[in-house]
Amino acid sequence: NKAFGSHVIDCTFPAGSGPDGMLQALERICDEAADAIQGGIGESGTQAVILSDRLVGPDRMALPSLIAVGAVHQHLLKTKQRPKSAIFAEAGDCKEVHDYATIFGYGCDGVCPYMAYEALCKMNNDGLVEAKSKS
């Protein structure tokens, strides 16, 4: 029984690198996804790629998740690798219903909206919402 493997891809790029930095990041992300799915010599490829913007910070800008997911999805279709792997997004910019609808429409198979989770936890801790169940 083969284990389900995944590969996390950083979807950030250096702040201040401008449009060229964004295009280079898109190319890097697409190539990294294709390489992870292909696998190396004697190694099987991964079954899932996770596009993550968690490394965003003062020196790193996040690619919008729609652009990252759409680019990887289209690249994998062109290389005929799309049926071999799922695309997941660990996205800080998915907060509303429309965000989820569009990211799934762009080819994403699943989303972890970590920023939305953090906002809800803070709102709960600040007494702005009441949790139905607490552990």
Protein backbone atom coordinates (compact mmCIF):
# COMPACT_ATOMS: atom_id res chain seq x y z
CA ASN A 1 0.00 0.00 0.00
CA LYS A 2 1.61 3.22 -1.19
CA ALA A 3 1.64 6.24 1.12
CA PHE A 4 0.09 9.51 0.00
CA GLY A 5 2.98 11.94 -0.45
CA SER A 6 2.87 15.72 -0.57
CA HIS A 7 5.29 18.52 -1.39
CA VAL A 8 5.02 22.08 -0.02
CA ILE A 9 5.94 24.90 -2.41
CA ASP A 10 6.73 28.41 -1.16
CA CYS A 11 4.56 30.92 -3.05
CA THR A 12 6.35 34.05 -1.91
CA PHE A 13 8.98 36.16 -3.62
CA PRO A 14 11.37 38.91 -2.52
CA ALA A 15 9.66 42.20 -1.74
CA GLY A 16 10.86 44.95 -4.01
CA SER A 17 11.65 42.59 -6.90
CA GLY A 18 8.71 43.99 -8.85
CA PRO A 19 6.88 42.35 -11.76
CA ASP A 20 10.01 40.45 -12.83
CA GLY A 21 10.28 38.88 -9.37
CA MET A 22 6.65 37.82 -9.54
CA LEU A 23 7.10 36.23 -12.98
CA GLN A 24 10.25 34.42 -11.82
CA ALA A 25 8.37 33.12 -8.77
CA LEU A 26 5.53 31.83 -10.97
CA GLU A 27 8.00 30.00 -13.20
CA ARG A 28 9.81 28.54 -10.16
CA ILE A 29 6.54 27.38 -8.59
CA CYS A 30 5.31 25.72 -11.78
CA ASP A 31 8.66 23.98 -12.36
CA GLU A 32 8.86 22.84 -8.73
CA ALA A 33 5.34 21.39 -8.89
CA ALA A 34 6.08 19.49 -12.11
CA ASP A 35 9.39 18.18 -10.73
CA ALA A 36 7.75 17.04 -7.47
CA ILE A 37 5.05 15.13 -9.35
CA GLN A 38 7.56 13.60 -11.77
CA GLY A 39 9.86 12.38 -9.00
CA GLY A 40 13.55 11.65 -9.29
CA ILE A 41 15.46 8.67 -10.63
CA GLY A 42 14.25 5.64 -8.71
CA GLU A 43 11.74 7.74 -6.76
CA SER A 44 8.03 8.02 -7.28
CA GLY A 45 6.51 11.48 -7.54
CA THR A 46 4.26 13.15 -5.02
CA GLN A 47 0.47 12.83 -5.12
CA ALA A 48 -0.20 16.36 -3.85
CA VAL A 49 1.40 19.77 -4.12
CA ILE A 50 0.67 22.34 -1.43
CA LEU A 51 1.02 25.95 -2.53
CA SER A 52 1.79 27.93 0.62
CA ASP A 53 2.16 31.64 1.32
CA ARG A 54 3.03 31.17 5.01
CA LEU A 55 6.58 32.54 4.54
CA VAL A 56 5.19 36.01 3.80
CA GLY A 57 6.82 38.76 5.85
CA PRO A 58 8.52 42.13 5.67
CA ASP A 59 10.99 40.86 3.06
CA ARG A 60 8.70 38.39 1.25
CA MET A 61 5.52 39.11 -0.73
CA ALA A 62 2.88 36.46 -1.35
CA LEU A 63 1.65 35.67 -4.81
CA PRO A 64 -2.15 35.88 -4.85
CA SER A 65 -3.38 32.32 -4.39
CA LEU A 66 -5.59 32.52 -7.49
CA ILE A 67 -2.58 33.33 -9.65
CA ALA A 68 -0.43 30.59 -8.09
CA VAL A 69 -3.13 27.91 -8.31
CA GLY A 70 -4.19 28.89 -11.84
CA ALA A 71 -0.60 28.93 -13.12
CA VAL A 72 0.26 25.54 -11.60
CA HIS A 73 -3.02 24.00 -12.79
CA GLN A 74 -2.46 25.20 -16.38
CA HIS A 75 1.22 24.18 -16.33
CA LEU A 76 0.34 20.67 -15.16
CA LEU A 77 -2.35 20.40 -17.84
CA LYS A 78 0.21 21.35 -20.51
CA THR A 79 2.74 18.80 -19.20
CA LYS A 80 -0.02 16.16 -18.89
CA GLN A 81 0.69 15.75 -15.17
CA ARG A 82 -2.51 17.22 -13.75
CA PRO A 83 -4.34 13.88 -13.33
CA LYS A 84 -1.41 12.55 -11.28
CA SER A 85 -1.62 15.03 -8.40
CA ALA A 86 -3.92 17.18 -6.30
CA ILE A 87 -3.33 20.89 -5.80
CA PHE A 88 -3.91 22.29 -2.31
CA ALA A 89 -3.51 25.90 -1.18
CA GLU A 90 -2.41 27.09 2.24
CA ALA A 91 -3.70 30.57 1.60
CA GLY A 92 -3.89 33.66 3.76
CA ASP A 93 -5.98 35.51 1.19
CA CYS A 94 -9.00 33.17 1.22
CA LYS A 95 -11.58 34.61 3.61
CA GLU A 96 -14.94 34.89 1.87
CA VAL A 97 -17.24 32.49 0.00
CA HIS A 98 -16.29 34.08 -3.32
CA ASP A 99 -12.58 33.45 -2.60
CA TYR A 100 -13.26 29.73 -2.19
CA ALA A 101 -15.51 29.53 -5.25
CA THR A 102 -12.91 31.14 -7.47
CA ILE A 103 -9.91 29.21 -6.16
CA PHE A 104 -11.73 25.91 -6.72
CA GLY A 105 -12.70 27.13 -10.18
CA TYR A 106 -9.03 27.84 -10.93
CA GLY A 107 -8.14 24.19 -10.24
CA CYS A 108 -7.57 23.89 -6.49
CA ASP A 109 -8.63 20.65 -4.81
CA GLY A 110 -8.57 21.92 -1.23
CA VAL A 111 -7.82 25.04 0.81
CA CYS A 112 -6.45 25.68 4.29
CA PRO A 113 -7.50 29.28 5.04
CA TYR A 114 -5.13 29.76 7.97
CA MET A 115 -5.63 33.52 8.21
CA ALA A 116 -9.41 33.12 8.44
CA TYR A 117 -8.93 30.52 11.20
CA GLU A 118 -6.61 32.89 13.10
CA ALA A 119 -9.11 35.76 12.78
CA LEU A 120 -11.94 33.60 14.13
CA CYS A 121 -9.80 32.45 17.07
CA LYS A 122 -8.91 36.04 17.93
CA MET A 123 -12.52 37.14 17.65
CA ASN A 124 -13.53 34.28 19.96
CA ASN A 125 -10.79 35.15 22.48
CA ASP A 126 -11.85 38.82 22.40
CA GLY A 127 -15.48 37.83 23.08
CA LEU A 128 -16.73 39.01 19.68
CA VAL A 129 -18.08 35.56 18.78
CA GLU A 130 -19.05 32.66 20.93
CA ALA A 131 -17.76 29.21 20.14
CA LYS A 132 -20.43 26.51 20.06
CA SER A 133 -17.96 23.93 21.33
CA LYS A 134 -14.74 24.37 23.29
CA SER A 135 -12.10 21.74 23.92
